[in-house]
Amino acid sequence: MDIDELARGIAAGERRALARGITLVESGRADHRARATDLLEKVRPLGREALRIGLSGTPGVGKSTFIETFGLMLTGQGLRVAVLAVDPSSARSGGSILGDKTRMEHLSRDPNAFIRPSPSQTHLGGVARRTREAIDLCEAAGFDVVLIETVGVGQSETVVSEMSDLFLLLLAPAGGDELQGVKRGIMEMADLILVNKADGDLKATAMRTCADYAGALRLLRKRQQDPEGFPKAMTVSALEDFGLASAWNEMQALADWRRAQGHWAARRADQARYWFESEVREGLLARLRREPVKGAMAALAQKVGQGALTPAAAAEELLDGYLAGRG
């Protein structure tokens, strides 16, 4: 695979080149990582930016239906839309179903859309480890909007907010004790809470659920990067295409306000620093698993298991020895 040719293909918006580029950045092989870094450096000078929208939601809330209907609305407006959907992986086999392309049948056939399902590979945070780099490639390919769908609501799902400009939380009506259904941590990260399935018999319930969340949001501390009225809760129906245009207008208004106030650039700079530190942590862990450090780790792990050392003391001994050796 010629990296220069691949970079040119991505810059030209070729879907096949983009798919190959994402496969490369997702690879864990050391030689592939070096080539992936080279590829990312070659497309970086393009300086293209997309609106990055993170999306999380409770299981069964209709995330795929929402993304398809929402994506088709955007492509109908002449926008190019990329969808990075992360599926949960088995802790035993490491495999994933990766069924998002089959669930988004109409959007996957749209020439202005690109859908890439990826396994989470048990990586915490609701996103795959290399999702951020896949976003960079989608931006380099000229997409206007990048939707990042997480595996589902959880306390660690807030990691997606570190790679997106806007964070949407999708909820369903009639979900029991609504305000206990989702923890405060993820609510504080959300820019918009969208109560889906506001149609048919559930419409009245959806309106009540939306009112509950609107009241809860007013109790949260106001964030500096938000204009008056945000974050807010709205009702939508992906099935009937209700409320999606209004939600899109709110997203654009919020993004425009943050750009004008300087929060957009500051937030992206903070995110870049976050992922730099994340790469340092992951790199250190990877090196600690290699020889000859791996042997020292095994010996210390045995001592910990025998009760001869505490985990904290063993870790400090290993790190001191490794860093001294590197110095």
C-alpha atoms as a PDB file:
ATOM      1  CA  MET A   1       0.000   0.000   0.000  1.00  0.00           C
ATOM      2  CA  ASP A   2       1.579   3.247  -1.177  1.00  0.00           C
ATOM      3  CA  ILE A   3       0.905   5.884   1.486  1.00  0.00           C
ATOM      4  CA  ASP A   4       1.289   8.838  -0.900  1.00  0.00           C
ATOM      5  CA  GLU A   5      -1.233   7.323  -3.309  1.00  0.00           C
ATOM      6  CA  LEU A   6      -3.592   6.507  -0.443  1.00  0.00           C
ATOM      7  CA  ALA A   7      -3.372  10.077   0.870  1.00  0.00           C
ATOM      8  CA  ARG A   8      -4.151  11.463  -2.601  1.00  0.00           C
ATOM      9  CA  GLY A   9      -7.154   9.161  -2.892  1.00  0.00           C
ATOM     10  CA  ILE A  10      -8.505  10.258   0.494  1.00  0.00           C
ATOM     11  CA  ALA A  11      -7.948  13.930  -0.378  1.00  0.00           C
ATOM     12  CA  ALA A  12      -9.939  13.350  -3.576  1.00  0.00           C
ATOM     13  CA  GLY A  13     -12.820  11.925  -1.549  1.00  0.00           C
ATOM     14  CA  GLU A  14     -12.511   8.353  -2.847  1.00  0.00           C
ATOM     15  CA  ARG A  15     -14.574   6.052  -0.615  1.00  0.00           C
ATOM     16  CA  ARG A  16     -12.398   2.999  -1.271  1.00  0.00           C
ATOM     17  CA  ALA A  17      -9.254   4.909  -0.289  1.00  0.00           C
ATOM     18  CA  LEU A  18     -10.976   6.196   2.856  1.00  0.00           C
ATOM     19  CA  ALA A  19     -12.042   2.671   3.824  1.00  0.00           C
ATOM     20  CA  ARG A  20      -8.497   1.394   3.324  1.00  0.00           C
ATOM     21  CA  GLY A  21      -7.105   4.294   5.327  1.00  0.00           C
ATOM     22  CA  ILE A  22      -9.412   3.590   8.274  1.00  0.00           C
ATOM     23  CA  THR A  23      -8.471  -0.100   8.145  1.00  0.00           C
ATOM     24  CA  LEU A  24      -4.834   0.949   8.363  1.00  0.00           C
ATOM     25  CA  VAL A  25      -5.275   3.279  11.352  1.00  0.00           C
ATOM     26  CA  GLU A  26      -7.346   0.651  13.182  1.00  0.00           C
ATOM     27  CA  SER A  27      -4.616  -1.975  12.840  1.00  0.00           C
ATOM     28  CA  GLY A  28      -2.607  -2.772  15.947  1.00  0.00           C
ATOM     29  CA  ARG A  29       0.491  -4.017  14.120  1.00  0.00           C
ATOM     30  CA  ALA A  30       3.612  -1.968  14.833  1.00  0.00           C
ATOM     31  CA  ASP A  31       4.519  -1.569  11.140  1.00  0.00           C
ATOM     32  CA  HIS A  32       0.947  -0.525  10.347  1.00  0.00           C
ATOM     33  CA  ARG A  33       0.991   2.035  13.156  1.00  0.00           C
ATOM     34  CA  ALA A  34       4.067   3.691  11.649  1.00  0.00           C
ATOM     35  CA  ARG A  35       2.381   3.832   8.222  1.00  0.00           C
ATOM     36  CA  ALA A  36      -0.861   5.106   9.760  1.00  0.00           C
ATOM     37  CA  THR A  37       1.022   7.947  11.474  1.00  0.00           C
ATOM     38  CA  ASP A  38       2.641   8.794   8.147  1.00  0.00           C
ATOM     39  CA  LEU A  39      -0.765   8.830   6.439  1.00  0.00           C
ATOM     40  CA  LEU A  40      -2.279  11.112   9.069  1.00  0.00           C
ATOM     41  CA  GLU A  41       0.645  13.530   8.763  1.00  0.00           C
ATOM     42  CA  LYS A  42       0.224  13.642   4.972  1.00  0.00           C
ATOM     43  CA  VAL A  43      -3.484  14.554   5.094  1.00  0.00           C
ATOM     44  CA  ARG A  44      -3.173  16.975   8.029  1.00  0.00           C
ATOM     45  CA  PRO A  45      -2.046  19.973   5.893  1.00  0.00           C
ATOM     46  CA  LEU A  46      -5.390  19.826   4.042  1.00  0.00           C
ATOM     47  CA  GLY A  47      -6.871  21.590   7.074  1.00  0.00           C
ATOM     48  CA  ARG A  48     -10.417  20.430   6.362  1.00  0.00           C
ATOM     49  CA  GLU A  49     -12.973  20.479   9.178  1.00  0.00           C
ATOM     50  CA  ALA A  50     -16.301  18.722   9.549  1.00  0.00           C
ATOM     51  CA  LEU A  51     -18.978  19.161  12.173  1.00  0.00           C
ATOM     52  CA  ARG A  52     -18.310  16.250  14.518  1.00  0.00           C
ATOM     53  CA  ILE A  53     -21.468  15.002  16.237  1.00  0.00           C
ATOM     54  CA  GLY A  54     -21.245  12.354  18.943  1.00  0.00           C
ATOM     55  CA  LEU A  55     -24.368  10.301  19.556  1.00  0.00           C
ATOM     56  CA  SER A  56     -25.157   7.998  22.448  1.00  0.00           C
ATOM     57  CA  GLY A  57     -28.364   6.456  23.682  1.00  0.00           C
ATOM     58  CA  THR A  58     -29.989   3.740  25.700  1.00  0.00           C
ATOM     59  CA  PRO A  59     -30.308   0.267  24.096  1.00  0.00           C
ATOM     60  CA  GLY A  60     -33.349   0.051  21.830  1.00  0.00           C
ATOM     61  CA  VAL A  61     -33.779   3.814  21.608  1.00  0.00           C
ATOM     62  CA  GLY A  62     -33.480   3.716  17.810  1.00  0.00           C
ATOM     63  CA  LYS A  63     -29.998   5.165  17.239  1.00  0.00           C
ATOM     64  CA  SER A  64     -29.570   3.491  13.845  1.00  0.00           C
ATOM     65  CA  THR A  65     -33.026   4.586  12.649  1.00  0.00           C
ATOM     66  CA  PHE A  66     -32.334   8.120  13.848  1.00  0.00           C
ATOM     67  CA  ILE A  67     -28.935   8.247  12.130  1.00  0.00           C
ATOM     68  CA  GLU A  68     -30.360   6.950   8.860  1.00  0.00           C
ATOM     69  CA  THR A  69     -33.267   9.414   8.792  1.00  0.00           C
ATOM     70  CA  PHE A  70     -31.084  12.286   9.992  1.00  0.00           C
ATOM     71  CA  GLY A  71     -28.291  11.383   7.548  1.00  0.00           C
ATOM     72  CA  LEU A  72     -30.693  11.224   4.595  1.00  0.00           C
ATOM     73  CA  MET A  73     -32.047  14.648   5.553  1.00  0.00           C
ATOM     74  CA  LEU A  74     -28.507  16.074   5.533  1.00  0.00           C
ATOM     75  CA  THR A  75     -27.511  14.449   2.228  1.00  0.00           C
ATOM     76  CA  GLY A  76     -30.783  15.785   0.792  1.00  0.00           C
ATOM     77  CA  GLN A  77     -29.437  19.249   1.625  1.00  0.00           C
ATOM     78  CA  GLY A  78     -26.294  18.541  -0.394  1.00  0.00           C
ATOM     79  CA  LEU A  79     -24.069  17.692   2.586  1.00  0.00           C
ATOM     80  CA  ARG A  80     -21.658  14.762   2.675  1.00  0.00           C
ATOM     81  CA  VAL A  81     -22.130  12.620   5.782  1.00  0.00           C
ATOM     82  CA  ALA A  82     -19.799  10.032   7.324  1.00  0.00           C
ATOM     83  CA  VAL A  83     -21.043   7.656  10.029  1.00  0.00           C
ATOM     84  CA  LEU A  84     -18.569   5.941  12.350  1.00  0.00           C
ATOM     85  CA  ALA A  85     -20.570   3.339  14.246  1.00  0.00           C
ATOM     86  CA  VAL A  86     -18.904   1.464  17.085  1.00  0.00           C
ATOM     87  CA  ASP A  87     -20.240  -1.979  17.985  1.00  0.00           C
ATOM     88  CA  PRO A  88     -19.540  -3.766  21.277  1.00  0.00           C
ATOM     89  CA  SER A  89     -17.020  -6.594  21.021  1.00  0.00           C
ATOM     90  CA  SER A  90     -17.102  -9.919  22.779  1.00  0.00           C
ATOM     91  CA  ALA A  91     -14.733 -10.048  25.751  1.00  0.00           C
ATOM     92  CA  ARG A  92     -14.072 -13.710  24.887  1.00  0.00           C
ATOM     93  CA  SER A  93     -13.680 -13.831  21.107  1.00  0.00           C
ATOM     94  CA  GLY A  94     -13.120 -10.135  20.383  1.00  0.00           C
ATOM     95  CA  GLY A  95     -15.683 -10.363  17.563  1.00  0.00           C
ATOM     96  CA  SER A  96     -18.490  -7.931  16.751  1.00  0.00           C
ATOM     97  CA  ILE A  97     -21.648  -8.210  14.686  1.00  0.00           C
ATOM     98  CA  LEU A  98     -21.017  -4.892  12.870  1.00  0.00           C
ATOM     99  CA  GLY A  99     -24.570  -4.749  11.570  1.00  0.00           C
ATOM    100  CA  ASP A 100     -24.965  -0.996  11.116  1.00  0.00           C
ATOM    101  CA  LYS A 101     -24.722  -1.105   7.328  1.00  0.00           C
ATOM    102  CA  THR A 102     -27.627  -3.566   7.198  1.00  0.00           C
ATOM    103  CA  ARG A 103     -29.672  -1.481   9.669  1.00  0.00           C
ATOM    104  CA  MET A 104     -29.032   1.701   7.634  1.00  0.00           C
ATOM    105  CA  GLU A 105     -29.917   0.195   4.273  1.00  0.00           C
ATOM    106  CA  HIS A 106     -31.016   3.385   2.511  1.00  0.00           C
ATOM    107  CA  LEU A 107     -28.250   5.617   3.851  1.00  0.00           C
ATOM    108  CA  SER A 108     -25.564   3.055   2.978  1.00  0.00           C
ATOM    109  CA  ARG A 109     -26.607   3.326  -0.687  1.00  0.00           C
ATOM    110  CA  ASP A 110     -26.510   7.125  -0.716  1.00  0.00           C
ATOM    111  CA  PRO A 111     -23.487   8.341  -2.757  1.00  0.00           C
ATOM    112  CA  ASN A 112     -23.030  11.278  -0.364  1.00  0.00           C
ATOM    113  CA  ALA A 113     -22.835   9.034   2.702  1.00  0.00           C
ATOM    114  CA  PHE A 114     -20.130   6.763   4.089  1.00  0.00           C
ATOM    115  CA  ILE A 115     -20.810   4.251   6.874  1.00  0.00           C
ATOM    116  CA  ARG A 116     -17.997   2.521   8.709  1.00  0.00           C
ATOM    117  CA  PRO A 117     -18.824   0.055  11.512  1.00  0.00           C
ATOM    118  CA  SER A 118     -15.891  -0.735  13.810  1.00  0.00           C
ATOM    119  CA  PRO A 119     -15.473  -3.078  16.782  1.00  0.00           C
ATOM    120  CA  SER A 120     -14.869  -1.462  20.155  1.00  0.00           C
ATOM    121  CA  GLN A 121     -12.410  -4.296  20.936  1.00  0.00           C
ATOM    122  CA  THR A 122     -13.410  -3.973  24.633  1.00  0.00           C
ATOM    123  CA  HIS A 123     -12.029  -0.411  24.640  1.00  0.00           C
ATOM    124  CA  LEU A 124     -13.852   1.649  27.270  1.00  0.00           C
ATOM    125  CA  GLY A 125     -15.609   4.869  26.418  1.00  0.00           C
ATOM    126  CA  GLY A 126     -18.135   3.592  23.895  1.00  0.00           C
ATOM    127  CA  VAL A 127     -15.775   4.232  20.981  1.00  0.00           C
ATOM    128  CA  ALA A 128     -12.938   2.295  19.386  1.00  0.00           C
ATOM    129  CA  ARG A 129      -9.410   3.354  20.277  1.00  0.00           C
ATOM    130  CA  ARG A 130      -8.727   4.713  16.778  1.00  0.00           C
ATOM    131  CA  THR A 131     -12.100   6.385  16.174  1.00  0.00           C
ATOM    132  CA  ARG A 132     -10.483   9.808  16.567  1.00  0.00           C
ATOM    133  CA  GLU A 133      -8.018   9.067  13.754  1.00  0.00           C
ATOM    134  CA  ALA A 134     -10.855   7.756  11.573  1.00  0.00           C
ATOM    135  CA  ILE A 135     -12.566  11.136  12.110  1.00  0.00           C
ATOM    136  CA  ASP A 136      -9.418  12.901  10.873  1.00  0.00           C
ATOM    137  CA  LEU A 137      -9.467  10.817   7.688  1.00  0.00           C
ATOM    138  CA  CYS A 138     -13.181  11.508   7.103  1.00  0.00           C
ATOM    139  CA  GLU A 139     -12.499  15.236   7.419  1.00  0.00           C
ATOM    140  CA  ALA A 140      -9.574  14.942   5.017  1.00  0.00           C
ATOM    141  CA  ALA A 141     -11.906  13.198   2.558  1.00  0.00           C
ATOM    142  CA  GLY A 142     -14.131  16.285   2.536  1.00  0.00           C
ATOM    143  CA  PHE A 143     -17.139  15.149   4.540  1.00  0.00           C
ATOM    144  CA  ASP A 144     -19.210  17.965   5.997  1.00  0.00           C
ATOM    145  CA  VAL A 145     -20.664  16.080   8.969  1.00  0.00           C
ATOM    146  CA  VAL A 146     -19.186  13.133  10.872  1.00  0.00           C
ATOM    147  CA  LEU A 147     -21.570  11.209  13.130  1.00  0.00           C
ATOM    148  CA  ILE A 148     -19.937   9.080  15.834  1.00  0.00           C
ATOM    149  CA  GLU A 149     -22.332   6.490  17.248  1.00  0.00           C
ATOM    150  CA  THR A 150     -21.239   4.904  20.524  1.00  0.00           C
ATOM    151  CA  VAL A 151     -22.055   1.381  21.682  1.00  0.00           C
ATOM    152  CA  GLY A 152     -24.682   2.599  24.178  1.00  0.00           C
ATOM    153  CA  VAL A 153     -25.190   4.596  27.346  1.00  0.00           C
ATOM    154  CA  GLY A 154     -22.788   4.061  30.220  1.00  0.00           C
ATOM    155  CA  GLN A 155     -20.692   6.175  32.563  1.00  0.00           C
ATOM    156  CA  SER A 156     -17.660   5.839  30.281  1.00  0.00           C
ATOM    157  CA  GLU A 157     -19.618   6.944  27.216  1.00  0.00           C
ATOM    158  CA  THR A 158     -18.562  10.531  27.911  1.00  0.00           C
ATOM    159  CA  VAL A 159     -15.243   9.808  26.149  1.00  0.00           C
ATOM    160  CA  VAL A 160     -17.020  10.517  22.847  1.00  0.00           C
ATOM    161  CA  SER A 161     -17.392  14.146  23.973  1.00  0.00           C
ATOM    162  CA  GLU A 162     -13.589  14.395  23.761  1.00  0.00           C
ATOM    163  CA  MET A 163     -13.698  13.843  19.990  1.00  0.00           C
ATOM    164  CA  SER A 164     -16.888  15.644  18.990  1.00  0.00           C
ATOM    165  CA  ASP A 165     -18.042  19.248  18.633  1.00  0.00           C
ATOM    166  CA  LEU A 166     -21.601  18.449  19.671  1.00  0.00           C
ATOM    167  CA  PHE A 167     -22.824  15.601  21.846  1.00  0.00           C
ATOM    168  CA  LEU A 168     -26.373  14.261  21.442  1.00  0.00           C
ATOM    169  CA  LEU A 169     -28.056  11.970  23.957  1.00  0.00           C
ATOM    170  CA  LEU A 170     -30.930   9.965  22.471  1.00  0.00           C
ATOM    171  CA  LEU A 171     -33.555   8.657  24.892  1.00  0.00           C
ATOM    172  CA  ALA A 172     -36.810   6.726  24.595  1.00  0.00           C
ATOM    173  CA  PRO A 173     -40.106   7.530  26.326  1.00  0.00           C
ATOM    174  CA  ALA A 174     -41.746   5.123  28.758  1.00  0.00           C
ATOM    175  CA  GLY A 175     -38.381   3.979  30.053  1.00  0.00           C
ATOM    176  CA  GLY A 176     -39.429   3.604  33.685  1.00  0.00           C
ATOM    177  CA  ASP A 177     -37.894   6.039  36.147  1.00  0.00           C
ATOM    178  CA  GLU A 178     -36.669   8.434  33.483  1.00  0.00           C
ATOM    179  CA  LEU A 179     -34.348  10.566  35.587  1.00  0.00           C
ATOM    180  CA  GLN A 180     -32.626   7.469  36.964  1.00  0.00           C
ATOM    181  CA  GLY A 181     -32.309   5.837  33.540  1.00  0.00           C
ATOM    182  CA  VAL A 182     -29.251   7.864  32.648  1.00  0.00           C
ATOM    183  CA  LYS A 183     -26.619   9.010  35.129  1.00  0.00           C
ATOM    184  CA  ARG A 184     -25.826  12.649  35.737  1.00  0.00           C
ATOM    185  CA  GLY A 185     -22.318  12.379  34.271  1.00  0.00           C
ATOM    186  CA  ILE A 186     -23.475  11.805  30.720  1.00  0.00           C
ATOM    187  CA  MET A 187     -26.308  14.338  31.056  1.00  0.00           C
ATOM    188  CA  GLU A 188     -23.784  17.020  31.957  1.00  0.00           C
ATOM    189  CA  MET A 189     -21.896  16.270  28.740  1.00  0.00           C
ATOM    190  CA  ALA A 190     -24.939  16.388  26.443  1.00  0.00           C
ATOM    191  CA  ASP A 191     -25.597  19.473  24.331  1.00  0.00           C
ATOM    192  CA  LEU A 192     -28.992  18.210  23.200  1.00  0.00           C
ATOM    193  CA  ILE A 193     -31.189  15.516  24.726  1.00  0.00           C
ATOM    194  CA  LEU A 194     -33.476  14.107  22.053  1.00  0.00           C
ATOM    195  CA  VAL A 195     -36.448  12.026  23.181  1.00  0.00           C
ATOM    196  CA  ASN A 196     -37.050   9.703  20.226  1.00  0.00           C
ATOM    197  CA  LYS A 197     -40.185   7.751  19.253  1.00  0.00           C
ATOM    198  CA  ALA A 198     -42.442  10.781  19.790  1.00  0.00           C
ATOM    199  CA  ASP A 199     -45.111   9.251  17.583  1.00  0.00           C
ATOM    200  CA  GLY A 200     -48.312   7.214  17.866  1.00  0.00           C
ATOM    201  CA  ASP A 201     -49.337   6.140  21.336  1.00  0.00           C
ATOM    202  CA  LEU A 202     -45.963   7.183  22.763  1.00  0.00           C
ATOM    203  CA  LYS A 203     -46.183  10.825  21.685  1.00  0.00           C
ATOM    204  CA  ALA A 204     -47.795  12.079  24.915  1.00  0.00           C
ATOM    205  CA  THR A 205     -45.350  10.045  27.011  1.00  0.00           C
ATOM    206  CA  ALA A 206     -42.447  11.455  25.000  1.00  0.00           C
ATOM    207  CA  MET A 207     -43.652  14.996  25.691  1.00  0.00           C
ATOM    208  CA  ARG A 208     -43.777  14.304  29.438  1.00  0.00           C
ATOM    209  CA  THR A 209     -40.320  12.682  29.353  1.00  0.00           C
ATOM    210  CA  CYS A 210     -38.926  15.695  27.488  1.00  0.00           C
ATOM    211  CA  ALA A 211     -40.429  18.042  30.086  1.00  0.00           C
ATOM    212  CA  ASP A 212     -38.841  15.978  32.885  1.00  0.00           C
ATOM    213  CA  TYR A 213     -35.398  16.244  31.314  1.00  0.00           C
ATOM    214  CA  ALA A 214     -35.817  19.929  30.492  1.00  0.00           C
ATOM    215  CA  GLY A 215     -36.492  20.517  34.178  1.00  0.00           C
ATOM    216  CA  ALA A 216     -33.496  18.414  35.201  1.00  0.00           C
ATOM    217  CA  LEU A 217     -31.208  20.318  32.818  1.00  0.00           C
ATOM    218  CA  ARG A 218     -32.190  23.619  34.413  1.00  0.00           C
ATOM    219  CA  LEU A 219     -30.830  22.321  37.724  1.00  0.00           C
ATOM    220  CA  LEU A 220     -27.380  21.634  36.284  1.00  0.00           C
ATOM    221  CA  ARG A 221     -24.632  24.221  36.503  1.00  0.00           C
ATOM    222  CA  LYS A 222     -24.526  26.428  33.404  1.00  0.00           C
ATOM    223  CA  ARG A 223     -21.527  25.763  31.177  1.00  0.00           C
ATOM    224  CA  GLN A 224     -19.366  28.591  29.873  1.00  0.00           C
ATOM    225  CA  GLN A 225     -19.376  27.238  26.311  1.00  0.00           C
ATOM    226  CA  ASP A 226     -23.194  27.350  26.064  1.00  0.00           C
ATOM    227  CA  PRO A 227     -25.470  30.225  25.046  1.00  0.00           C
ATOM    228  CA  GLU A 228     -28.721  30.904  26.864  1.00  0.00           C
ATOM    229  CA  GLY A 229     -31.137  27.971  26.605  1.00  0.00           C
ATOM    230  CA  PHE A 230     -28.512  25.230  26.205  1.00  0.00           C
ATOM    231  CA  PRO A 231     -28.303  22.383  26.855  1.00  0.00           C
ATOM    232  CA  LYS A 232     -31.904  21.635  25.955  1.00  0.00           C
ATOM    233  CA  ALA A 233     -34.282  18.698  25.532  1.00  0.00           C
ATOM    234  CA  MET A 234     -36.402  18.123  22.415  1.00  0.00           C
ATOM    235  CA  THR A 235     -38.763  15.473  21.073  1.00  0.00           C
ATOM    236  CA  VAL A 236     -38.124  13.761  17.729  1.00  0.00           C
ATOM    237  CA  SER A 237     -39.454  10.832  15.744  1.00  0.00           C
ATOM    238  CA  ALA A 238     -36.990   9.150  13.423  1.00  0.00           C
ATOM    239  CA  LEU A 239     -39.809   6.939  12.144  1.00  0.00           C
ATOM    240  CA  GLU A 240     -42.017   9.844  11.064  1.00  0.00           C
ATOM    241  CA  ASP A 241     -39.168  12.322  10.406  1.00  0.00           C
ATOM    242  CA  PHE A 242     -40.586  14.668  13.026  1.00  0.00           C
ATOM    243  CA  GLY A 243     -38.438  17.235  14.824  1.00  0.00           C
ATOM    244  CA  LEU A 244     -35.176  16.358  13.047  1.00  0.00           C
ATOM    245  CA  ALA A 245     -35.043  19.601  11.052  1.00  0.00           C
ATOM    246  CA  SER A 246     -35.581  21.614  14.252  1.00  0.00           C
ATOM    247  CA  ALA A 247     -32.879  19.625  16.030  1.00  0.00           C
ATOM    248  CA  TRP A 248     -30.475  20.267  13.127  1.00  0.00           C
ATOM    249  CA  ASN A 249     -31.211  23.995  13.295  1.00  0.00           C
ATOM    250  CA  GLU A 250     -30.384  23.963  17.020  1.00  0.00           C
ATOM    251  CA  MET A 251     -27.116  22.108  16.352  1.00  0.00           C
ATOM    252  CA  GLN A 252     -26.087  24.640  13.714  1.00  0.00           C
ATOM    253  CA  ALA A 253     -27.004  27.566  15.955  1.00  0.00           C
ATOM    254  CA  LEU A 254     -24.954  26.152  18.832  1.00  0.00           C
ATOM    255  CA  ALA A 255     -21.960  25.408  16.595  1.00  0.00           C
ATOM    256  CA  ASP A 256     -22.089  28.907  15.047  1.00  0.00           C
ATOM    257  CA  TRP A 257     -22.264  30.540  18.506  1.00  0.00           C
ATOM    258  CA  ARG A 258     -19.289  28.552  19.773  1.00  0.00           C
ATOM    259  CA  ARG A 259     -17.247  29.502  16.704  1.00  0.00           C
ATOM    260  CA  ALA A 260     -18.094  33.169  17.126  1.00  0.00           C
ATOM    261  CA  GLN A 261     -17.229  33.131  20.844  1.00  0.00           C
ATOM    262  CA  GLY A 262     -13.933  31.264  20.365  1.00  0.00           C
ATOM    263  CA  HIS A 263     -15.078  28.170  22.247  1.00  0.00           C
ATOM    264  CA  TRP A 264     -14.874  25.984  19.129  1.00  0.00           C
ATOM    265  CA  ALA A 265     -11.133  26.413  18.577  1.00  0.00           C
ATOM    266  CA  ALA A 266     -10.376  26.249  22.308  1.00  0.00           C
ATOM    267  CA  ARG A 267     -12.344  23.028  22.660  1.00  0.00           C
ATOM    268  CA  ARG A 268     -10.554  21.379  19.751  1.00  0.00           C
ATOM    269  CA  ALA A 269      -7.198  22.405  21.221  1.00  0.00           C
ATOM    270  CA  ASP A 270      -8.191  20.847  24.566  1.00  0.00           C
ATOM    271  CA  GLN A 271      -9.258  17.675  22.774  1.00  0.00           C
ATOM    272  CA  ALA A 272      -5.942  17.470  20.922  1.00  0.00           C
ATOM    273  CA  ARG A 273      -4.072  17.697  24.228  1.00  0.00           C
ATOM    274  CA  TYR A 274      -6.367  15.040  25.752  1.00  0.00           C
ATOM    275  CA  TRP A 275      -5.614  12.582  22.950  1.00  0.00           C
ATOM    276  CA  PHE A 276      -1.891  13.344  23.100  1.00  0.00           C
ATOM    277  CA  GLU A 277      -1.874  12.342  26.778  1.00  0.00           C
ATOM    278  CA  SER A 278      -3.982   9.287  25.935  1.00  0.00           C
ATOM    279  CA  GLU A 279      -1.467   8.203  23.293  1.00  0.00           C
ATOM    280  CA  VAL A 280       1.375   8.616  25.803  1.00  0.00           C
ATOM    281  CA  ARG A 281      -0.435   6.396  28.327  1.00  0.00           C
ATOM    282  CA  GLU A 282      -1.249   3.725  25.733  1.00  0.00           C
ATOM    283  CA  GLY A 283       2.305   3.845  24.376  1.00  0.00           C
ATOM    284  CA  LEU A 284       3.811   3.376  27.821  1.00  0.00           C
ATOM    285  CA  LEU A 285       1.545   0.397  28.503  1.00  0.00           C
ATOM    286  CA  ALA A 286       2.470  -1.150  25.158  1.00  0.00           C
ATOM    287  CA  ARG A 287       6.193  -0.794  25.884  1.00  0.00           C
ATOM    288  CA  LEU A 288       5.795  -2.247  29.355  1.00  0.00           C
ATOM    289  CA  ARG A 289       4.347  -5.382  27.771  1.00  0.00           C
ATOM    290  CA  ARG A 290       7.466  -5.916  25.628  1.00  0.00           C
ATOM    291  CA  GLU A 291      10.676  -7.750  26.457  1.00  0.00           C
ATOM    292  CA  PRO A 292      12.726  -7.385  28.616  1.00  0.00           C
ATOM    293  CA  VAL A 293      10.226  -5.426  30.725  1.00  0.00           C
ATOM    294  CA  LYS A 294       7.648  -8.181  30.249  1.00  0.00           C
ATOM    295  CA  GLY A 295       9.825 -10.607  32.234  1.00  0.00           C
ATOM    296  CA  ALA A 296      10.189  -8.138  35.081  1.00  0.00           C
ATOM    297  CA  MET A 297       6.427  -7.603  35.078  1.00  0.00           C
ATOM    298  CA  ALA A 298       5.808 -11.349  35.309  1.00  0.00           C
ATOM    299  CA  ALA A 299       8.227 -11.709  38.236  1.00  0.00           C
ATOM    300  CA  LEU A 300       6.698  -8.788  40.122  1.00  0.00           C
ATOM    301  CA  ALA A 301       3.178 -10.033  39.363  1.00  0.00           C
ATOM    302  CA  GLN A 302       4.102 -13.349  40.967  1.00  0.00           C
ATOM    303  CA  LYS A 303       5.322 -11.553  44.099  1.00  0.00           C
ATOM    304  CA  VAL A 304       2.091  -9.569  44.233  1.00  0.00           C
ATOM    305  CA  GLY A 305       0.091 -12.776  43.897  1.00  0.00           C
ATOM    306  CA  GLN A 306       2.068 -14.341  46.737  1.00  0.00           C
ATOM    307  CA  GLY A 307       1.478 -11.316  48.947  1.00  0.00           C
ATOM    308  CA  ALA A 308       5.175 -10.426  49.097  1.00  0.00           C
ATOM    309  CA  LEU A 309       4.541  -6.990  47.549  1.00  0.00           C
ATOM    310  CA  THR A 310       1.567  -4.670  47.339  1.00  0.00           C
ATOM    311  CA  PRO A 311       0.366  -3.795  43.801  1.00  0.00           C
ATOM    312  CA  ALA A 312       1.350  -0.133  44.334  1.00  0.00           C
ATOM    313  CA  ALA A 313       4.895  -0.993  45.506  1.00  0.00           C
ATOM    314  CA  ALA A 314       5.408  -3.449  42.644  1.00  0.00           C
ATOM    315  CA  ALA A 315       4.201  -0.918  40.080  1.00  0.00           C
ATOM    316  CA  GLU A 316       6.511   1.774  41.475  1.00  0.00           C
ATOM    317  CA  GLU A 317       9.480  -0.623  41.387  1.00  0.00           C
ATOM    318  CA  LEU A 318       8.776  -1.567  37.779  1.00  0.00           C
ATOM    319  CA  LEU A 319       8.331   2.018  36.596  1.00  0.00           C
ATOM    320  CA  ASP A 320      11.425   3.249  38.452  1.00  0.00           C
ATOM    321  CA  GLY A 321      13.494   0.483  36.867  1.00  0.00           C
ATOM    322  CA  TYR A 322      12.058   1.074  33.390  1.00  0.00           C
ATOM    323  CA  LEU A 323      12.472   4.849  33.475  1.00  0.00           C
ATOM    324  CA  ALA A 324      16.000   4.542  34.913  1.00  0.00           C
ATOM    325  CA  GLY A 325      16.894   2.186  32.088  1.00  0.00           C
ATOM    326  CA  ARG A 326      15.451   4.578  29.518  1.00  0.00           C
ATOM    327  CA  GLY A 327      17.440   7.457  31.029  1.00  0.00           C
END
